[in-house]
Amino acid sequence: MSRLDATLLAVLGCPDCHGPLAQREVASGTELCCEPCLAAWPVEEGVPQLLPESRRPRGMVAPG
């Protein structure tokens, strides 16, 4: 589990729609989710992977 600092989470926004991101635990680990556009990005070793190629539908299991 990679819990992000609350201050960091408060300033991060969705790269697609600029909506707020929420942290949640899924089978593949931690992800940041955008409720408005239903997108998610993984958090790897405590670092949010907010790159376009890391975007996936919310709750989808990461390949690998």
PDB file of N, CA and C in Angstrom:
ATOM      1  N   MET A   1       0.840  -1.185   0.000  1.00  0.00           N
ATOM      2  CA  MET A   1       0.000   0.000   0.000  1.00  0.00           C
ATOM      3  C   MET A   1       0.881   1.243   0.000  1.00  0.00           C
ATOM      4  N   SER A   2       0.625   2.172  -0.902  1.00  0.00           N
ATOM      5  CA  SER A   2       1.389   3.410  -1.019  1.00  0.00           C
ATOM      6  C   SER A   2       0.469   4.595  -0.724  1.00  0.00           C
ATOM      7  N   ARG A   3       0.373   4.979   0.527  1.00  0.00           N
ATOM      8  CA  ARG A   3      -0.470   6.113   0.890  1.00  0.00           C
ATOM      9  C   ARG A   3       0.247   7.412   0.541  1.00  0.00           C
ATOM     10  N   LEU A   4      -0.439   8.267  -0.185  1.00  0.00           N
ATOM     11  CA  LEU A   4       0.132   9.565  -0.536  1.00  0.00           C
ATOM     12  C   LEU A   4      -0.141  10.568   0.571  1.00  0.00           C
ATOM     13  N   ASP A   5       0.747  11.521   0.701  1.00  0.00           N
ATOM     14  CA  ASP A   5       0.570  12.605   1.648  1.00  0.00           C
ATOM     15  C   ASP A   5      -0.698  13.383   1.284  1.00  0.00           C
ATOM     16  N   ALA A   6      -1.498  13.727   2.280  1.00  0.00           N
ATOM     17  CA  ALA A   6      -2.764  14.429   2.049  1.00  0.00           C
ATOM     18  C   ALA A   6      -2.551  15.775   1.360  1.00  0.00           C
ATOM     19  N   THR A   7      -1.458  16.456   1.673  1.00  0.00           N
ATOM     20  CA  THR A   7      -1.170  17.749   1.040  1.00  0.00           C
ATOM     21  C   THR A   7      -0.902  17.562  -0.447  1.00  0.00           C
ATOM     22  N   LEU A   8      -0.144  16.539  -0.806  1.00  0.00           N
ATOM     23  CA  LEU A   8       0.137  16.260  -2.217  1.00  0.00           C
ATOM     24  C   LEU A   8      -1.154  15.894  -2.945  1.00  0.00           C
ATOM     25  N   LEU A   9      -1.946  15.038  -2.338  1.00  0.00           N
ATOM     26  CA  LEU A   9      -3.195  14.616  -2.964  1.00  0.00           C
ATOM     27  C   LEU A   9      -4.140  15.800  -3.193  1.00  0.00           C
ATOM     28  N   ALA A  10      -4.107  16.779  -2.289  1.00  0.00           N
ATOM     29  CA  ALA A  10      -4.973  17.950  -2.414  1.00  0.00           C
ATOM     30  C   ALA A  10      -4.606  18.838  -3.600  1.00  0.00           C
ATOM     31  N   VAL A  11      -3.343  18.835  -4.018  1.00  0.00           N
ATOM     32  CA  VAL A  11      -2.930  19.709  -5.122  1.00  0.00           C
ATOM     33  C   VAL A  11      -2.904  18.996  -6.472  1.00  0.00           C
ATOM     34  N   LEU A  12      -2.923  17.664  -6.465  1.00  0.00           N
ATOM     35  CA  LEU A  12      -2.936  16.932  -7.729  1.00  0.00           C
ATOM     36  C   LEU A  12      -4.321  16.992  -8.361  1.00  0.00           C
ATOM     37  N   GLY A  13      -4.360  17.015  -9.676  1.00  0.00           N
ATOM     38  CA  GLY A  13      -5.629  16.997 -10.401  1.00  0.00           C
ATOM     39  C   GLY A  13      -5.536  16.064 -11.588  1.00  0.00           C
ATOM     40  N   CYS A  14      -6.668  15.692 -12.098  1.00  0.00           N
ATOM     41  CA  CYS A  14      -6.740  14.804 -13.248  1.00  0.00           C
ATOM     42  C   CYS A  14      -6.073  15.470 -14.459  1.00  0.00           C
ATOM     43  N   PRO A  15      -5.143  14.783 -15.104  1.00  0.00           N
ATOM     44  CA  PRO A  15      -4.502  15.344 -16.289  1.00  0.00           C
ATOM     45  C   PRO A  15      -5.470  15.532 -17.464  1.00  0.00           C
ATOM     46  N   ASP A  16      -6.573  14.788 -17.469  1.00  0.00           N
ATOM     47  CA  ASP A  16      -7.526  14.870 -18.577  1.00  0.00           C
ATOM     48  C   ASP A  16      -8.561  15.970 -18.387  1.00  0.00           C
ATOM     49  N   CYS A  17      -9.259  15.949 -17.239  1.00  0.00           N
ATOM     50  CA  CYS A  17     -10.370  16.902 -17.049  1.00  0.00           C
ATOM     51  C   CYS A  17     -10.119  17.905 -15.926  1.00  0.00           C
ATOM     52  N   HIS A  18      -8.993  17.770 -15.241  1.00  0.00           N
ATOM     53  CA  HIS A  18      -8.595  18.656 -14.141  1.00  0.00           C
ATOM     54  C   HIS A  18      -9.474  18.497 -12.909  1.00  0.00           C
ATOM     55  N   GLY A  19     -10.238  17.408 -12.846  1.00  0.00           N
ATOM     56  CA  GLY A  19     -11.054  17.112 -11.673  1.00  0.00           C
ATOM     57  C   GLY A  19     -10.200  16.620 -10.516  1.00  0.00           C
ATOM     58  N   PRO A  20     -10.797  16.486  -9.335  1.00  0.00           N
ATOM     59  CA  PRO A  20     -10.054  16.002  -8.173  1.00  0.00           C
ATOM     60  C   PRO A  20      -9.739  14.512  -8.298  1.00  0.00           C
ATOM     61  N   LEU A  21      -8.634  14.108  -7.701  1.00  0.00           N
ATOM     62  CA  LEU A  21      -8.237  12.706  -7.705  1.00  0.00           C
ATOM     63  C   LEU A  21      -8.417  12.122  -6.307  1.00  0.00           C
ATOM     64  N   ALA A  22      -8.878  10.885  -6.253  1.00  0.00           N
ATOM     65  CA  ALA A  22      -9.045  10.175  -4.989  1.00  0.00           C
ATOM     66  C   ALA A  22      -8.151   8.940  -5.020  1.00  0.00           C
ATOM     67  N   GLN A  23      -7.571   8.631  -3.895  1.00  0.00           N
ATOM     68  CA  GLN A  23      -6.705   7.461  -3.799  1.00  0.00           C
ATOM     69  C   GLN A  23      -7.527   6.261  -3.366  1.00  0.00           C
ATOM     70  N   ARG A  24      -7.259   5.106  -3.972  1.00  0.00           N
ATOM     71  CA  ARG A  24      -7.938   3.887  -3.542  1.00  0.00           C
ATOM     72  C   ARG A  24      -7.060   2.683  -3.808  1.00  0.00           C
ATOM     73  N   GLU A  25      -7.347   1.623  -3.072  1.00  0.00           N
ATOM     74  CA  GLU A  25      -6.617   0.373  -3.201  1.00  0.00           C
ATOM     75  C   GLU A  25      -7.387  -0.562  -4.120  1.00  0.00           C
ATOM     76  N   VAL A  26      -6.697  -1.155  -5.059  1.00  0.00           N
ATOM     77  CA  VAL A  26      -7.278  -2.137  -5.973  1.00  0.00           C
ATOM     78  C   VAL A  26      -6.373  -3.367  -5.956  1.00  0.00           C
ATOM     79  N   ALA A  27      -6.777  -4.421  -6.644  1.00  0.00           N
ATOM     80  CA  ALA A  27      -6.009  -5.666  -6.646  1.00  0.00           C
ATOM     81  C   ALA A  27      -4.565  -5.470  -7.093  1.00  0.00           C
ATOM     82  N   SER A  28      -4.343  -4.552  -8.026  1.00  0.00           N
ATOM     83  CA  SER A  28      -2.994  -4.338  -8.555  1.00  0.00           C
ATOM     84  C   SER A  28      -2.175  -3.357  -7.723  1.00  0.00           C
ATOM     85  N   GLY A  29      -2.743  -2.786  -6.657  1.00  0.00           N
ATOM     86  CA  GLY A  29      -2.013  -1.838  -5.811  1.00  0.00           C
ATOM     87  C   GLY A  29      -2.812  -0.587  -5.570  1.00  0.00           C
ATOM     88  N   THR A  30      -2.131   0.538  -5.471  1.00  0.00           N
ATOM     89  CA  THR A  30      -2.776   1.831  -5.238  1.00  0.00           C
ATOM     90  C   THR A  30      -2.964   2.550  -6.559  1.00  0.00           C
ATOM     91  N   GLU A  31      -4.084   3.250  -6.692  1.00  0.00           N
ATOM     92  CA  GLU A  31      -4.303   4.065  -7.885  1.00  0.00           C
ATOM     93  C   GLU A  31      -4.964   5.365  -7.492  1.00  0.00           C
ATOM     94  N   LEU A  32      -4.783   6.375  -8.329  1.00  0.00           N
ATOM     95  CA  LEU A  32      -5.481   7.646  -8.198  1.00  0.00           C
ATOM     96  C   LEU A  32      -6.619   7.636  -9.201  1.00  0.00           C
ATOM     97  N   CYS A  33      -7.813   7.947  -8.736  1.00  0.00           N
ATOM     98  CA  CYS A  33      -9.006   7.860  -9.580  1.00  0.00           C
ATOM     99  C   CYS A  33      -9.651   9.222  -9.751  1.00  0.00           C
ATOM    100  N   CYS A  34     -10.171   9.448 -10.945  1.00  0.00           N
ATOM    101  CA  CYS A  34     -10.945  10.643 -11.243  1.00  0.00           C
ATOM    102  C   CYS A  34     -12.396  10.208 -11.428  1.00  0.00           C
ATOM    103  N   GLU A  35     -13.267  10.636 -10.536  1.00  0.00           N
ATOM    104  CA  GLU A  35     -14.679  10.275 -10.638  1.00  0.00           C
ATOM    105  C   GLU A  35     -15.354  10.899 -11.859  1.00  0.00           C
ATOM    106  N   PRO A  36     -15.105  12.174 -12.186  1.00  0.00           N
ATOM    107  CA  PRO A  36     -15.795  12.771 -13.336  1.00  0.00           C
ATOM    108  C   PRO A  36     -15.528  12.070 -14.673  1.00  0.00           C
ATOM    109  N   CYS A  37     -14.287  11.671 -14.938  1.00  0.00           N
ATOM    110  CA  CYS A  37     -14.006  11.063 -16.246  1.00  0.00           C
ATOM    111  C   CYS A  37     -13.708   9.562 -16.161  1.00  0.00           C
ATOM    112  N   LEU A  38     -13.831   8.977 -14.969  1.00  0.00           N
ATOM    113  CA  LEU A  38     -13.673   7.531 -14.758  1.00  0.00           C
ATOM    114  C   LEU A  38     -12.313   6.993 -15.181  1.00  0.00           C
ATOM    115  N   ALA A  39     -11.282   7.800 -15.030  1.00  0.00           N
ATOM    116  CA  ALA A  39      -9.918   7.379 -15.358  1.00  0.00           C
ATOM    117  C   ALA A  39      -9.155   7.079 -14.072  1.00  0.00           C
ATOM    118  N   ALA A  40      -8.064   6.329 -14.215  1.00  0.00           N
ATOM    119  CA  ALA A  40      -7.223   6.010 -13.064  1.00  0.00           C
ATOM    120  C   ALA A  40      -5.769   5.950 -13.503  1.00  0.00           C
ATOM    121  N   TRP A  41      -4.898   6.217 -12.553  1.00  0.00           N
ATOM    122  CA  TRP A  41      -3.458   6.152 -12.780  1.00  0.00           C
ATOM    123  C   TRP A  41      -2.835   5.404 -11.615  1.00  0.00           C
ATOM    124  N   PRO A  42      -1.858   4.546 -11.882  1.00  0.00           N
ATOM    125  CA  PRO A  42      -1.226   3.790 -10.802  1.00  0.00           C
ATOM    126  C   PRO A  42      -0.298   4.666  -9.961  1.00  0.00           C
ATOM    127  N   VAL A  43      -0.089   4.218  -8.730  1.00  0.00           N
ATOM    128  CA  VAL A  43       0.914   4.804  -7.850  1.00  0.00           C
ATOM    129  C   VAL A  43       1.957   3.723  -7.644  1.00  0.00           C
ATOM    130  N   GLU A  44       3.179   3.980  -8.087  1.00  0.00           N
ATOM    131  CA  GLU A  44       4.257   3.001  -7.997  1.00  0.00           C
ATOM    132  C   GLU A  44       5.335   3.502  -7.050  1.00  0.00           C
ATOM    133  N   GLU A  45       5.573   2.744  -5.991  1.00  0.00           N
ATOM    134  CA  GLU A  45       6.560   3.106  -4.978  1.00  0.00           C
ATOM    135  C   GLU A  45       6.328   4.511  -4.437  1.00  0.00           C
ATOM    136  N   GLY A  46       5.062   4.864  -4.255  1.00  0.00           N
ATOM    137  CA  GLY A  46       4.698   6.157  -3.697  1.00  0.00           C
ATOM    138  C   GLY A  46       4.673   7.310  -4.682  1.00  0.00           C
ATOM    139  N   VAL A  47       4.904   7.021  -5.975  1.00  0.00           N
ATOM    140  CA  VAL A  47       4.958   8.076  -6.995  1.00  0.00           C
ATOM    141  C   VAL A  47       3.781   7.906  -7.961  1.00  0.00           C
ATOM    142  N   PRO A  48       2.887   8.911  -8.035  1.00  0.00           N
ATOM    143  CA  PRO A  48       1.784   8.832  -8.995  1.00  0.00           C
ATOM    144  C   PRO A  48       2.302   8.852 -10.426  1.00  0.00           C
ATOM    145  N   GLN A  49       1.819   7.937 -11.244  1.00  0.00           N
ATOM    146  CA  GLN A  49       2.231   7.833 -12.645  1.00  0.00           C
ATOM    147  C   GLN A  49       1.164   8.504 -13.517  1.00  0.00           C
ATOM    148  N   LEU A  50       1.195   9.833 -13.573  1.00  0.00           N
ATOM    149  CA  LEU A  50       0.158  10.611 -14.261  1.00  0.00           C
ATOM    150  C   LEU A  50       0.492  10.876 -15.728  1.00  0.00           C
ATOM    151  N   LEU A  51       1.156   9.947 -16.362  1.00  0.00           N
ATOM    152  CA  LEU A  51       1.498  10.074 -17.776  1.00  0.00           C
ATOM    153  C   LEU A  51       0.386   9.486 -18.637  1.00  0.00           C
ATOM    154  N   PRO A  52       0.198  10.004 -19.853  1.00  0.00           N
ATOM    155  CA  PRO A  52      -0.876   9.500 -20.718  1.00  0.00           C
ATOM    156  C   PRO A  52      -0.822   7.985 -20.928  1.00  0.00           C
ATOM    157  N   GLU A  53       0.368   7.425 -21.067  1.00  0.00           N
ATOM    158  CA  GLU A  53       0.466   5.988 -21.308  1.00  0.00           C
ATOM    159  C   GLU A  53       0.146   5.144 -20.068  1.00  0.00           C
ATOM    160  N   SER A  54       0.064   5.767 -18.893  1.00  0.00           N
ATOM    161  CA  SER A  54      -0.292   5.050 -17.667  1.00  0.00           C
ATOM    162  C   SER A  54      -1.787   5.095 -17.375  1.00  0.00           C
ATOM    163  N   ARG A  55      -2.519   5.916 -18.119  1.00  0.00           N
ATOM    164  CA  ARG A  55      -3.964   6.067 -17.891  1.00  0.00           C
ATOM    165  C   ARG A  55      -4.679   4.765 -18.229  1.00  0.00           C
ATOM    166  N   ARG A  56      -5.675   4.440 -17.400  1.00  0.00           N
ATOM    167  CA  ARG A  56      -6.492   3.257 -17.649  1.00  0.00           C
ATOM    168  C   ARG A  56      -7.890   3.494 -17.092  1.00  0.00           C
ATOM    169  N   PRO A  57      -8.860   2.702 -17.512  1.00  0.00           N
ATOM    170  CA  PRO A  57     -10.193   2.822 -16.923  1.00  0.00           C
ATOM    171  C   PRO A  57     -10.121   2.499 -15.429  1.00  0.00           C
ATOM    172  N   ARG A  58     -10.892   3.212 -14.645  1.00  0.00           N
ATOM    173  CA  ARG A  58     -10.897   3.032 -13.198  1.00  0.00           C
ATOM    174  C   ARG A  58     -11.177   1.582 -12.817  1.00  0.00           C
ATOM    175  N   GLY A  59     -10.356   1.026 -11.922  1.00  0.00           N
ATOM    176  CA  GLY A  59     -10.547  -0.327 -11.418  1.00  0.00           C
ATOM    177  C   GLY A  59      -9.994  -1.431 -12.289  1.00  0.00           C
ATOM    178  N   MET A  60      -9.424  -1.087 -13.453  1.00  0.00           N
ATOM    179  CA  MET A  60      -8.855  -2.098 -14.337  1.00  0.00           C
ATOM    180  C   MET A  60      -7.542  -2.621 -13.761  1.00  0.00           C
ATOM    181  N   VAL A  61      -7.316  -3.904 -13.837  1.00  0.00           N
ATOM    182  CA  VAL A  61      -6.079  -4.493 -13.361  1.00  0.00           C
ATOM    183  C   VAL A  61      -4.953  -4.168 -14.332  1.00  0.00           C
ATOM    184  N   ALA A  62      -3.847  -3.726 -13.779  1.00  0.00           N
ATOM    185  CA  ALA A  62      -2.697  -3.361 -14.615  1.00  0.00           C
ATOM    186  C   ALA A  62      -2.068  -4.601 -15.234  1.00  0.00           C
ATOM    187  N   PRO A  63      -1.625  -4.510 -16.480  1.00  0.00           N
ATOM    188  CA  PRO A  63      -0.956  -5.658 -17.110  1.00  0.00           C
ATOM    189  C   PRO A  63       0.385  -5.933 -16.444  1.00  0.00           C
ATOM    190  N   GLY A  64       0.803  -7.191 -16.520  1.00  0.00           N
ATOM    191  CA  GLY A  64       2.128  -7.497 -16.025  1.00  0.00           C
ATOM    192  C   GLY A  64       2.088  -8.406 -14.887  1.00  0.00           C
TER     193      GLY A  64
END
